[in-house]
Amino acid sequence: MSFNARITMPTEARAGEIVEIKVLTRHPMDRGGQSDGKGGTVPRKILNRLTATYAGEPILRFDMHTGVAANPFVSFTTRAVATGDIVFEWREDGGATYTRTARLTVT
């Protein structure tokens, strides 16, 4: 399955500035349980966790459940403290993980 996430955030900020980060993920968030037409059921396959770290420190942990709609959108803020990477990691049912990185330069 391809994975598509759009991360919107400023590339630069002043030290101490509050930065808004928006993350839109393309994912069907299939809750499972439906018939597969062959006598079986479709297994649940959702993104169950989104985490973000900034300069190696955790800044977000978002646990998702079957009630989250397809293509989940998450918006949060953090304080610009140092130039560094913000690493986003999604964990999917079945053990797959997807990672994206965005750089924030602090002036």
PDB file of N, CA and C in Angstrom:
ATOM      1  N   MET A   1       0.847  -1.182   0.000  1.00  0.00           N
ATOM      2  CA  MET A   1       0.000   0.000   0.000  1.00  0.00           C
ATOM      3  C   MET A   1       0.879   1.228   0.000  1.00  0.00           C
ATOM      4  N   SER A   2       0.552   2.167  -0.849  1.00  0.00           N
ATOM      5  CA  SER A   2       1.313   3.417  -0.830  1.00  0.00           C
ATOM      6  C   SER A   2       0.869   4.253   0.364  1.00  0.00           C
ATOM      7  N   PHE A   3       1.732   5.104   0.784  1.00  0.00           N
ATOM      8  CA  PHE A   3       1.438   5.942   1.939  1.00  0.00           C
ATOM      9  C   PHE A   3       1.675   7.384   1.540  1.00  0.00           C
ATOM     10  N   ASN A   4       0.706   8.227   1.843  1.00  0.00           N
ATOM     11  CA  ASN A   4       0.800   9.624   1.454  1.00  0.00           C
ATOM     12  C   ASN A   4       0.432  10.497   2.636  1.00  0.00           C
ATOM     13  N   ALA A   5       1.337  11.359   3.034  1.00  0.00           N
ATOM     14  CA  ALA A   5       1.067  12.298   4.122  1.00  0.00           C
ATOM     15  C   ALA A   5       1.529  13.682   3.692  1.00  0.00           C
ATOM     16  N   ARG A   6       0.698  14.660   3.973  1.00  0.00           N
ATOM     17  CA  ARG A   6       1.062  16.049   3.678  1.00  0.00           C
ATOM     18  C   ARG A   6       1.300  16.767   5.007  1.00  0.00           C
ATOM     19  N   ILE A   7       2.486  17.307   5.164  1.00  0.00           N
ATOM     20  CA  ILE A   7       2.864  18.017   6.387  1.00  0.00           C
ATOM     21  C   ILE A   7       2.998  19.488   6.039  1.00  0.00           C
ATOM     22  N   THR A   8       2.261  20.315   6.762  1.00  0.00           N
ATOM     23  CA  THR A   8       2.312  21.749   6.526  1.00  0.00           C
ATOM     24  C   THR A   8       2.808  22.426   7.795  1.00  0.00           C
ATOM     25  N   MET A   9       3.931  23.113   7.666  1.00  0.00           N
ATOM     26  CA  MET A   9       4.518  23.842   8.796  1.00  0.00           C
ATOM     27  C   MET A   9       5.530  24.831   8.242  1.00  0.00           C
ATOM     28  N   PRO A  10       5.873  25.855   8.999  1.00  0.00           N
ATOM     29  CA  PRO A  10       6.901  26.775   8.523  1.00  0.00           C
ATOM     30  C   PRO A  10       8.266  26.087   8.525  1.00  0.00           C
ATOM     31  N   THR A  11       9.125  26.514   7.635  1.00  0.00           N
ATOM     32  CA  THR A  11      10.483  25.950   7.610  1.00  0.00           C
ATOM     33  C   THR A  11      11.407  26.712   8.555  1.00  0.00           C
ATOM     34  N   GLU A  12      11.023  27.953   8.913  1.00  0.00           N
ATOM     35  CA  GLU A  12      11.829  28.761   9.827  1.00  0.00           C
ATOM     36  C   GLU A  12      10.951  29.375  10.906  1.00  0.00           C
ATOM     37  N   ALA A  13      11.545  29.578  12.063  1.00  0.00           N
ATOM     38  CA  ALA A  13      10.849  30.249  13.166  1.00  0.00           C
ATOM     39  C   ALA A  13      11.894  30.874  14.077  1.00  0.00           C
ATOM     40  N   ARG A  14      11.469  31.874  14.830  1.00  0.00           N
ATOM     41  CA  ARG A  14      12.373  32.466  15.824  1.00  0.00           C
ATOM     42  C   ARG A  14      12.355  31.621  17.083  1.00  0.00           C
ATOM     43  N   ALA A  15      13.432  31.669  17.815  1.00  0.00           N
ATOM     44  CA  ALA A  15      13.512  30.916  19.073  1.00  0.00           C
ATOM     45  C   ALA A  15      12.370  31.333  19.997  1.00  0.00           C
ATOM     46  N   GLY A  16      11.660  30.385  20.524  1.00  0.00           N
ATOM     47  CA  GLY A  16      10.547  30.643  21.432  1.00  0.00           C
ATOM     48  C   GLY A  16       9.207  30.796  20.750  1.00  0.00           C
ATOM     49  N   GLU A  17       9.196  30.931  19.444  1.00  0.00           N
ATOM     50  CA  GLU A  17       7.944  31.105  18.697  1.00  0.00           C
ATOM     51  C   GLU A  17       7.118  29.816  18.720  1.00  0.00           C
ATOM     52  N   ILE A  18       5.804  29.962  18.787  1.00  0.00           N
ATOM     53  CA  ILE A  18       4.902  28.817  18.701  1.00  0.00           C
ATOM     54  C   ILE A  18       4.676  28.508  17.223  1.00  0.00           C
ATOM     55  N   VAL A  19       4.871  27.261  16.863  1.00  0.00           N
ATOM     56  CA  VAL A  19       4.767  26.818  15.476  1.00  0.00           C
ATOM     57  C   VAL A  19       3.584  25.864  15.357  1.00  0.00           C
ATOM     58  N   GLU A  20       2.710  26.116  14.380  1.00  0.00           N
ATOM     59  CA  GLU A  20       1.589  25.224  14.130  1.00  0.00           C
ATOM     60  C   GLU A  20       1.988  24.199  13.066  1.00  0.00           C
ATOM     61  N   ILE A  21       1.679  22.956  13.328  1.00  0.00           N
ATOM     62  CA  ILE A  21       2.005  21.862  12.426  1.00  0.00           C
ATOM     63  C   ILE A  21       0.703  21.152  12.067  1.00  0.00           C
ATOM     64  N   LYS A  22       0.487  20.967  10.761  1.00  0.00           N
ATOM     65  CA  LYS A  22      -0.720  20.286  10.287  1.00  0.00           C
ATOM     66  C   LYS A  22      -0.299  19.064   9.494  1.00  0.00           C
ATOM     67  N   VAL A  23      -0.959  17.954   9.783  1.00  0.00           N
ATOM     68  CA  VAL A  23      -0.614  16.694   9.121  1.00  0.00           C
ATOM     69  C   VAL A  23      -1.887  16.062   8.574  1.00  0.00           C
ATOM     70  N   LEU A  24      -1.929  15.888   7.271  1.00  0.00           N
ATOM     71  CA  LEU A  24      -3.048  15.207   6.610  1.00  0.00           C
ATOM     72  C   LEU A  24      -2.514  13.905   6.030  1.00  0.00           C
ATOM     73  N   THR A  25      -3.110  12.804   6.429  1.00  0.00           N
ATOM     74  CA  THR A  25      -2.658  11.493   5.987  1.00  0.00           C
ATOM     75  C   THR A  25      -3.730  10.857   5.121  1.00  0.00           C
ATOM     76  N   ARG A  26      -3.334  10.355   3.986  1.00  0.00           N
ATOM     77  CA  ARG A  26      -4.268   9.623   3.112  1.00  0.00           C
ATOM     78  C   ARG A  26      -4.257   8.158   3.537  1.00  0.00           C
ATOM     79  N   HIS A  27      -5.361   7.725   4.116  1.00  0.00           N
ATOM     80  CA  HIS A  27      -5.467   6.335   4.568  1.00  0.00           C
ATOM     81  C   HIS A  27      -6.950   6.007   4.701  1.00  0.00           C
ATOM     82  N   PRO A  28      -7.396   4.829   4.241  1.00  0.00           N
ATOM     83  CA  PRO A  28      -8.835   4.510   4.305  1.00  0.00           C
ATOM     84  C   PRO A  28      -9.347   4.253   5.710  1.00  0.00           C
ATOM     85  N   MET A  29      -8.459   3.956   6.680  1.00  0.00           N
ATOM     86  CA  MET A  29      -8.868   3.661   8.058  1.00  0.00           C
ATOM     87  C   MET A  29     -10.011   2.637   8.057  1.00  0.00           C
ATOM     88  N   ASP A  30      -9.763   1.486   7.446  1.00  0.00           N
ATOM     89  CA  ASP A  30     -10.764   0.436   7.326  1.00  0.00           C
ATOM     90  C   ASP A  30     -11.009  -0.222   8.683  1.00  0.00           C
ATOM     91  N   ARG A  31     -12.237  -0.072   9.215  1.00  0.00           N
ATOM     92  CA  ARG A  31     -12.558  -0.603  10.547  1.00  0.00           C
ATOM     93  C   ARG A  31     -12.728  -2.115  10.552  1.00  0.00           C
ATOM     94  N   GLY A  32     -12.798  -2.739   9.367  1.00  0.00           N
ATOM     95  CA  GLY A  32     -12.903  -4.180   9.261  1.00  0.00           C
ATOM     96  C   GLY A  32     -14.267  -4.706   9.679  1.00  0.00           C
ATOM     97  N   GLY A  33     -14.393  -6.045   9.670  1.00  0.00           N
ATOM     98  CA  GLY A  33     -15.637  -6.676  10.095  1.00  0.00           C
ATOM     99  C   GLY A  33     -16.636  -6.894   8.978  1.00  0.00           C
ATOM    100  N   GLN A  34     -16.440  -6.280   7.822  1.00  0.00           N
ATOM    101  CA  GLN A  34     -17.370  -6.472   6.717  1.00  0.00           C
ATOM    102  C   GLN A  34     -17.080  -7.807   6.045  1.00  0.00           C
ATOM    103  N   SER A  35     -18.074  -8.308   5.329  1.00  0.00           N
ATOM    104  CA  SER A  35     -17.902  -9.539   4.577  1.00  0.00           C
ATOM    105  C   SER A  35     -16.971  -9.287   3.392  1.00  0.00           C
ATOM    106  N   ASP A  36     -16.110 -10.277   3.142  1.00  0.00           N
ATOM    107  CA  ASP A  36     -15.228 -10.146   1.985  1.00  0.00           C
ATOM    108  C   ASP A  36     -15.832 -10.784   0.740  1.00  0.00           C
ATOM    109  N   GLY A  37     -17.068 -11.289   0.860  1.00  0.00           N
ATOM    110  CA  GLY A  37     -17.747 -11.904  -0.264  1.00  0.00           C
ATOM    111  C   GLY A  37     -17.362 -13.353  -0.496  1.00  0.00           C
ATOM    112  N   LYS A  38     -16.465 -13.881   0.311  1.00  0.00           N
ATOM    113  CA  LYS A  38     -16.014 -15.265   0.171  1.00  0.00           C
ATOM    114  C   LYS A  38     -16.254 -16.059   1.455  1.00  0.00           C
ATOM    115  N   GLY A  39     -17.095 -15.514   2.338  1.00  0.00           N
ATOM    116  CA  GLY A  39     -17.383 -16.176   3.601  1.00  0.00           C
ATOM    117  C   GLY A  39     -16.510 -15.722   4.755  1.00  0.00           C
ATOM    118  N   GLY A  40     -15.570 -14.874   4.508  1.00  0.00           N
ATOM    119  CA  GLY A  40     -14.694 -14.356   5.546  1.00  0.00           C
ATOM    120  C   GLY A  40     -15.019 -12.910   5.876  1.00  0.00           C
ATOM    121  N   THR A  41     -14.247 -12.351   6.732  1.00  0.00           N
ATOM    122  CA  THR A  41     -14.420 -10.947   7.069  1.00  0.00           C
ATOM    123  C   THR A  41     -13.136 -10.179   6.754  1.00  0.00           C
ATOM    124  N   VAL A  42     -13.333  -8.939   6.427  1.00  0.00           N
ATOM    125  CA  VAL A  42     -12.205  -8.063   6.147  1.00  0.00           C
ATOM    126  C   VAL A  42     -11.579  -7.663   7.479  1.00  0.00           C
ATOM    127  N   PRO A  43     -10.276  -7.834   7.636  1.00  0.00           N
ATOM    128  CA  PRO A  43      -9.652  -7.452   8.910  1.00  0.00           C
ATOM    129  C   PRO A  43      -9.551  -5.932   9.055  1.00  0.00           C
ATOM    130  N   ARG A  44      -9.514  -5.490  10.289  1.00  0.00           N
ATOM    131  CA  ARG A  44      -9.330  -4.074  10.586  1.00  0.00           C
ATOM    132  C   ARG A  44      -7.933  -3.647  10.137  1.00  0.00           C
ATOM    133  N   LYS A  45      -7.851  -2.487   9.506  1.00  0.00           N
ATOM    134  CA  LYS A  45      -6.544  -1.968   9.117  1.00  0.00           C
ATOM    135  C   LYS A  45      -6.608  -0.446   9.225  1.00  0.00           C
ATOM    136  N   ILE A  46      -6.148   0.027  10.368  1.00  0.00           N
ATOM    137  CA  ILE A  46      -6.147   1.470  10.595  1.00  0.00           C
ATOM    138  C   ILE A  46      -4.754   1.907  11.020  1.00  0.00           C
ATOM    139  N   LEU A  47      -4.500   3.203  10.892  1.00  0.00           N
ATOM    140  CA  LEU A  47      -3.319   3.777  11.525  1.00  0.00           C
ATOM    141  C   LEU A  47      -3.688   3.891  12.990  1.00  0.00           C
ATOM    142  N   ASN A  48      -2.931   3.248  13.863  1.00  0.00           N
ATOM    143  CA  ASN A  48      -3.331   3.273  15.273  1.00  0.00           C
ATOM    144  C   ASN A  48      -2.498   4.232  16.117  1.00  0.00           C
ATOM    145  N   ARG A  49      -1.432   4.785  15.562  1.00  0.00           N
ATOM    146  CA  ARG A  49      -0.662   5.743  16.353  1.00  0.00           C
ATOM    147  C   ARG A  49       0.134   6.676  15.441  1.00  0.00           C
ATOM    148  N   LEU A  50       0.138   7.949  15.818  1.00  0.00           N
ATOM    149  CA  LEU A  50       1.007   8.944  15.192  1.00  0.00           C
ATOM    150  C   LEU A  50       1.872   9.528  16.302  1.00  0.00           C
ATOM    151  N   THR A  51       3.175   9.522  16.093  1.00  0.00           N
ATOM    152  CA  THR A  51       4.078  10.167  17.048  1.00  0.00           C
ATOM    153  C   THR A  51       4.931  11.171  16.298  1.00  0.00           C
ATOM    154  N   ALA A  52       5.383  12.176  17.016  1.00  0.00           N
ATOM    155  CA  ALA A  52       6.296  13.168  16.442  1.00  0.00           C
ATOM    156  C   ALA A  52       7.373  13.474  17.467  1.00  0.00           C
ATOM    157  N   THR A  53       8.599  13.553  16.974  1.00  0.00           N
ATOM    158  CA  THR A  53       9.713  13.961  17.824  1.00  0.00           C
ATOM    159  C   THR A  53      10.369  15.173  17.193  1.00  0.00           C
ATOM    160  N   TYR A  54      10.871  16.046  18.029  1.00  0.00           N
ATOM    161  CA  TYR A  54      11.517  17.275  17.563  1.00  0.00           C
ATOM    162  C   TYR A  54      12.871  17.343  18.237  1.00  0.00           C
ATOM    163  N   ALA A  55      13.906  17.357  17.419  1.00  0.00           N
ATOM    164  CA  ALA A  55      15.279  17.363  17.917  1.00  0.00           C
ATOM    165  C   ALA A  55      15.489  16.207  18.899  1.00  0.00           C
ATOM    166  N   GLY A  56      14.873  15.086  18.610  1.00  0.00           N
ATOM    167  CA  GLY A  56      15.043  13.878  19.419  1.00  0.00           C
ATOM    168  C   GLY A  56      14.116  13.759  20.609  1.00  0.00           C
ATOM    169  N   GLU A  57      13.321  14.786  20.898  1.00  0.00           N
ATOM    170  CA  GLU A  57      12.400  14.761  22.045  1.00  0.00           C
ATOM    171  C   GLU A  57      10.962  14.534  21.568  1.00  0.00           C
ATOM    172  N   PRO A  58      10.199  13.690  22.250  1.00  0.00           N
ATOM    173  CA  PRO A  58       8.803  13.483  21.839  1.00  0.00           C
ATOM    174  C   PRO A  58       7.962  14.744  22.067  1.00  0.00           C
ATOM    175  N   ILE A  59       7.162  15.093  21.068  1.00  0.00           N
ATOM    176  CA  ILE A  59       6.290  16.264  21.194  1.00  0.00           C
ATOM    177  C   ILE A  59       4.828  15.910  20.972  1.00  0.00           C
ATOM    178  N   LEU A  60       4.554  14.744  20.396  1.00  0.00           N
ATOM    179  CA  LEU A  60       3.157  14.349  20.160  1.00  0.00           C
ATOM    180  C   LEU A  60       3.056  12.834  20.150  1.00  0.00           C
ATOM    181  N   ARG A  61       2.002  12.355  20.773  1.00  0.00           N
ATOM    182  CA  ARG A  61       1.599  10.952  20.631  1.00  0.00           C
ATOM    183  C   ARG A  61       0.093  10.965  20.526  1.00  0.00           C
ATOM    184  N   PHE A  62      -0.409  10.457  19.416  1.00  0.00           N
ATOM    185  CA  PHE A  62      -1.837  10.464  19.141  1.00  0.00           C
ATOM    186  C   PHE A  62      -2.260   9.036  18.829  1.00  0.00           C
ATOM    187  N   ASP A  63      -3.033   8.431  19.738  1.00  0.00           N
ATOM    188  CA  ASP A  63      -3.540   7.076  19.531  1.00  0.00           C
ATOM    189  C   ASP A  63      -4.871   7.168  18.801  1.00  0.00           C
ATOM    190  N   MET A  64      -4.985   6.425  17.715  1.00  0.00           N
ATOM    191  CA  MET A  64      -6.198   6.454  16.898  1.00  0.00           C
ATOM    192  C   MET A  64      -6.919   5.114  17.016  1.00  0.00           C
ATOM    193  N   HIS A  65      -8.245   5.191  16.937  1.00  0.00           N
ATOM    194  CA  HIS A  65      -9.082   4.007  17.057  1.00  0.00           C
ATOM    195  C   HIS A  65     -10.029   3.969  15.867  1.00  0.00           C
ATOM    196  N   THR A  66     -10.911   2.988  15.840  1.00  0.00           N
ATOM    197  CA  THR A  66     -11.786   2.814  14.680  1.00  0.00           C
ATOM    198  C   THR A  66     -12.736   3.989  14.459  1.00  0.00           C
ATOM    199  N   GLY A  67     -12.944   4.827  15.446  1.00  0.00           N
ATOM    200  CA  GLY A  67     -13.835   5.976  15.283  1.00  0.00           C
ATOM    201  C   GLY A  67     -13.211   7.123  14.515  1.00  0.00           C
ATOM    202  N   VAL A  68     -11.932   7.062  14.220  1.00  0.00           N
ATOM    203  CA  VAL A  68     -11.274   8.123  13.462  1.00  0.00           C
ATOM    204  C   VAL A  68     -11.614   7.949  11.990  1.00  0.00           C
ATOM    205  N   ALA A  69     -12.017   9.041  11.347  1.00  0.00           N
ATOM    206  CA  ALA A  69     -12.430   8.995   9.947  1.00  0.00           C
ATOM    207  C   ALA A  69     -11.251   8.703   9.026  1.00  0.00           C
ATOM    208  N   ALA A  70     -11.586   8.326   7.820  1.00  0.00           N
ATOM    209  CA  ALA A  70     -10.565   8.134   6.794  1.00  0.00           C
ATOM    210  C   ALA A  70      -9.807   9.440   6.587  1.00  0.00           C
ATOM    211  N   ASN A  71      -8.587   9.330   6.133  1.00  0.00           N
ATOM    212  CA  ASN A  71      -7.729  10.483   5.866  1.00  0.00           C
ATOM    213  C   ASN A  71      -7.620  11.397   7.093  1.00  0.00           C
ATOM    214  N   PRO A  72      -7.102  10.868   8.185  1.00  0.00           N
ATOM    215  CA  PRO A  72      -7.058  11.671   9.419  1.00  0.00           C
ATOM    216  C   PRO A  72      -6.192  12.925   9.287  1.00  0.00           C
ATOM    217  N   PHE A  73      -6.713  14.001   9.873  1.00  0.00           N
ATOM    218  CA  PHE A  73      -6.035  15.301   9.890  1.00  0.00           C
ATOM    219  C   PHE A  73      -5.735  15.645  11.345  1.00  0.00           C
ATOM    220  N   VAL A  74      -4.497  15.995  11.615  1.00  0.00           N
ATOM    221  CA  VAL A  74      -4.071  16.344  12.969  1.00  0.00           C
ATOM    222  C   VAL A  74      -3.379  17.693  12.914  1.00  0.00           C
ATOM    223  N   SER A  75      -3.730  18.567  13.839  1.00  0.00           N
ATOM    224  CA  SER A  75      -3.089  19.868  13.946  1.00  0.00           C
ATOM    225  C   SER A  75      -2.625  20.042  15.391  1.00  0.00           C
ATOM    226  N   PHE A  76      -1.391  20.494  15.568  1.00  0.00           N
ATOM    227  CA  PHE A  76      -0.881  20.725  16.912  1.00  0.00           C
ATOM    228  C   PHE A  76       0.183  21.813  16.851  1.00  0.00           C
ATOM    229  N   THR A  77       0.608  22.273  18.025  1.00  0.00           N
ATOM    230  CA  THR A  77       1.630  23.315  18.076  1.00  0.00           C
ATOM    231  C   THR A  77       2.805  22.836  18.915  1.00  0.00           C
ATOM    232  N   THR A  78       3.936  23.456  18.654  1.00  0.00           N
ATOM    233  CA  THR A  78       5.116  23.218  19.472  1.00  0.00           C
ATOM    234  C   THR A  78       5.908  24.522  19.517  1.00  0.00           C
ATOM    235  N   ARG A  79       6.803  24.611  20.450  1.00  0.00           N
ATOM    236  CA  ARG A  79       7.627  25.810  20.588  1.00  0.00           C
ATOM    237  C   ARG A  79       8.970  25.574  19.879  1.00  0.00           C
ATOM    238  N   ALA A  80       9.394  26.526  19.054  1.00  0.00           N
ATOM    239  CA  ALA A  80      10.674  26.438  18.357  1.00  0.00           C
ATOM    240  C   ALA A  80      11.797  26.652  19.370  1.00  0.00           C
ATOM    241  N   VAL A  81      12.604  25.619  19.567  1.00  0.00           N
ATOM    242  CA  VAL A  81      13.675  25.726  20.555  1.00  0.00           C
ATOM    243  C   VAL A  81      15.059  25.597  19.933  1.00  0.00           C
ATOM    244  N   ALA A  82      15.173  24.833  18.862  1.00  0.00           N
ATOM    245  CA  ALA A  82      16.476  24.621  18.229  1.00  0.00           C
ATOM    246  C   ALA A  82      16.259  24.122  16.811  1.00  0.00           C
ATOM    247  N   THR A  83      17.216  24.396  15.960  1.00  0.00           N
ATOM    248  CA  THR A  83      17.140  23.855  14.613  1.00  0.00           C
ATOM    249  C   THR A  83      17.224  22.335  14.690  1.00  0.00           C
ATOM    250  N   GLY A  84      16.300  21.688  14.008  1.00  0.00           N
ATOM    251  CA  GLY A  84      16.306  20.226  14.052  1.00  0.00           C
ATOM    252  C   GLY A  84      15.196  19.634  13.215  1.00  0.00           C
ATOM    253  N   ASP A  85      15.236  18.337  13.138  1.00  0.00           N
ATOM    254  CA  ASP A  85      14.227  17.605  12.373  1.00  0.00           C
ATOM    255  C   ASP A  85      13.030  17.279  13.245  1.00  0.00           C
ATOM    256  N   ILE A  86      11.874  17.381  12.649  1.00  0.00           N
ATOM    257  CA  ILE A  86      10.657  16.863  13.264  1.00  0.00           C
ATOM    258  C   ILE A  86      10.339  15.572  12.522  1.00  0.00           C
ATOM    259  N   VAL A  87      10.352  14.485  13.252  1.00  0.00           N
ATOM    260  CA  VAL A  87      10.160  13.166  12.659  1.00  0.00           C
ATOM    261  C   VAL A  87       8.762  12.668  13.024  1.00  0.00           C
ATOM    262  N   PHE A  88       7.983  12.354  12.013  1.00  0.00           N
ATOM    263  CA  PHE A  88       6.620  11.848  12.185  1.00  0.00           C
ATOM    264  C   PHE A  88       6.634  10.354  11.885  1.00  0.00           C
ATOM    265  N   GLU A  89       5.982   9.588  12.757  1.00  0.00           N
ATOM    266  CA  GLU A  89       5.915   8.149  12.514  1.00  0.00           C
ATOM    267  C   GLU A  89       4.499   7.661  12.755  1.00  0.00           C
ATOM    268  N   TRP A  90       3.975   6.961  11.760  1.00  0.00           N
ATOM    269  CA  TRP A  90       2.660   6.348  11.856  1.00  0.00           C
ATOM    270  C   TRP A  90       2.846   4.857  12.002  1.00  0.00           C
ATOM    271  N   ARG A  91       2.037   4.245  12.860  1.00  0.00           N
ATOM    272  CA  ARG A  91       2.049   2.801  13.020  1.00  0.00           C
ATOM    273  C   ARG A  91       0.688   2.272  12.586  1.00  0.00           C
ATOM    274  N   GLU A  92       0.712   1.253  11.749  1.00  0.00           N
ATOM    275  CA  GLU A  92      -0.511   0.692  11.183  1.00  0.00           C
ATOM    276  C   GLU A  92      -0.763  -0.696  11.762  1.00  0.00           C
ATOM    277  N   ASP A  93      -2.041  -1.097  11.841  1.00  0.00           N
ATOM    278  CA  ASP A  93      -2.346  -2.472  12.223  1.00  0.00           C
ATOM    279  C   ASP A  93      -1.563  -3.412  11.317  1.00  0.00           C
ATOM    280  N   GLY A  94      -1.024  -4.468  11.882  1.00  0.00           N
ATOM    281  CA  GLY A  94      -0.209  -5.388  11.106  1.00  0.00           C
ATOM    282  C   GLY A  94       1.272  -5.113  11.245  1.00  0.00           C
ATOM    283  N   GLY A  95       1.626  -3.979  11.866  1.00  0.00           N
ATOM    284  CA  GLY A  95       3.024  -3.701  12.171  1.00  0.00           C
ATOM    285  C   GLY A  95       3.756  -2.780  11.224  1.00  0.00           C
ATOM    286  N   ALA A  96       3.144  -2.385  10.119  1.00  0.00           N
ATOM    287  CA  ALA A  96       3.829  -1.478   9.206  1.00  0.00           C
ATOM    288  C   ALA A  96       4.017  -0.108   9.861  1.00  0.00           C
ATOM    289  N   THR A  97       5.123   0.534   9.569  1.00  0.00           N
ATOM    290  CA  THR A  97       5.359   1.892  10.047  1.00  0.00           C
ATOM    291  C   THR A  97       5.767   2.757   8.860  1.00  0.00           C
ATOM    292  N   TYR A  98       5.414   4.018   8.940  1.00  0.00           N
ATOM    293  CA  TYR A  98       5.727   4.983   7.897  1.00  0.00           C
ATOM    294  C   TYR A  98       6.332   6.204   8.575  1.00  0.00           C
ATOM    295  N   THR A  99       7.372   6.739   7.985  1.00  0.00           N
ATOM    296  CA  THR A  99       8.071   7.867   8.596  1.00  0.00           C
ATOM    297  C   THR A  99       8.252   8.990   7.578  1.00  0.00           C
ATOM    298  N   ARG A 100       8.076  10.196   8.051  1.00  0.00           N
ATOM    299  CA  ARG A 100       8.367  11.390   7.257  1.00  0.00           C
ATOM    300  C   ARG A 100       9.114  12.361   8.166  1.00  0.00           C
ATOM    301  N   THR A 101       9.939  13.205   7.556  1.00  0.00           N
ATOM    302  CA  THR A 101      10.735  14.148   8.321  1.00  0.00           C
ATOM    303  C   THR A 101      10.597  15.546   7.722  1.00  0.00           C
ATOM    304  N   ALA A 102      10.507  16.536   8.580  1.00  0.00           N
ATOM    305  CA  ALA A 102      10.481  17.936   8.158  1.00  0.00           C
ATOM    306  C   ALA A 102      11.496  18.695   9.012  1.00  0.00           C
ATOM    307  N   ARG A 103      12.169  19.637   8.424  1.00  0.00           N
ATOM    308  CA  ARG A 103      13.224  20.376   9.120  1.00  0.00           C
ATOM    309  C   ARG A 103      12.698  21.748   9.546  1.00  0.00           C
ATOM    310  N   LEU A 104      12.967  22.108  10.784  1.00  0.00           N
ATOM    311  CA  LEU A 104      12.630  23.438  11.296  1.00  0.00           C
ATOM    312  C   LEU A 104      13.931  24.148  11.638  1.00  0.00           C
ATOM    313  N   THR A 105      14.145  25.290  10.988  1.00  0.00           N
ATOM    314  CA  THR A 105      15.335  26.092  11.253  1.00  0.00           C
ATOM    315  C   THR A 105      14.965  27.218  12.204  1.00  0.00           C
ATOM    316  N   VAL A 106      15.656  27.298  13.319  1.00  0.00           N
ATOM    317  CA  VAL A 106      15.378  28.326  14.324  1.00  0.00           C
ATOM    318  C   VAL A 106      16.426  29.427  14.200  1.00  0.00           C
ATOM    319  N   THR A 107      15.933  30.667  14.096  1.00  0.00           N
ATOM    320  CA  THR A 107      16.850  31.812  13.945  1.00  0.00           C
ATOM    321  C   THR A 107      16.910  32.626  15.217  1.00  0.00           C
TER     322      THR A 107
END
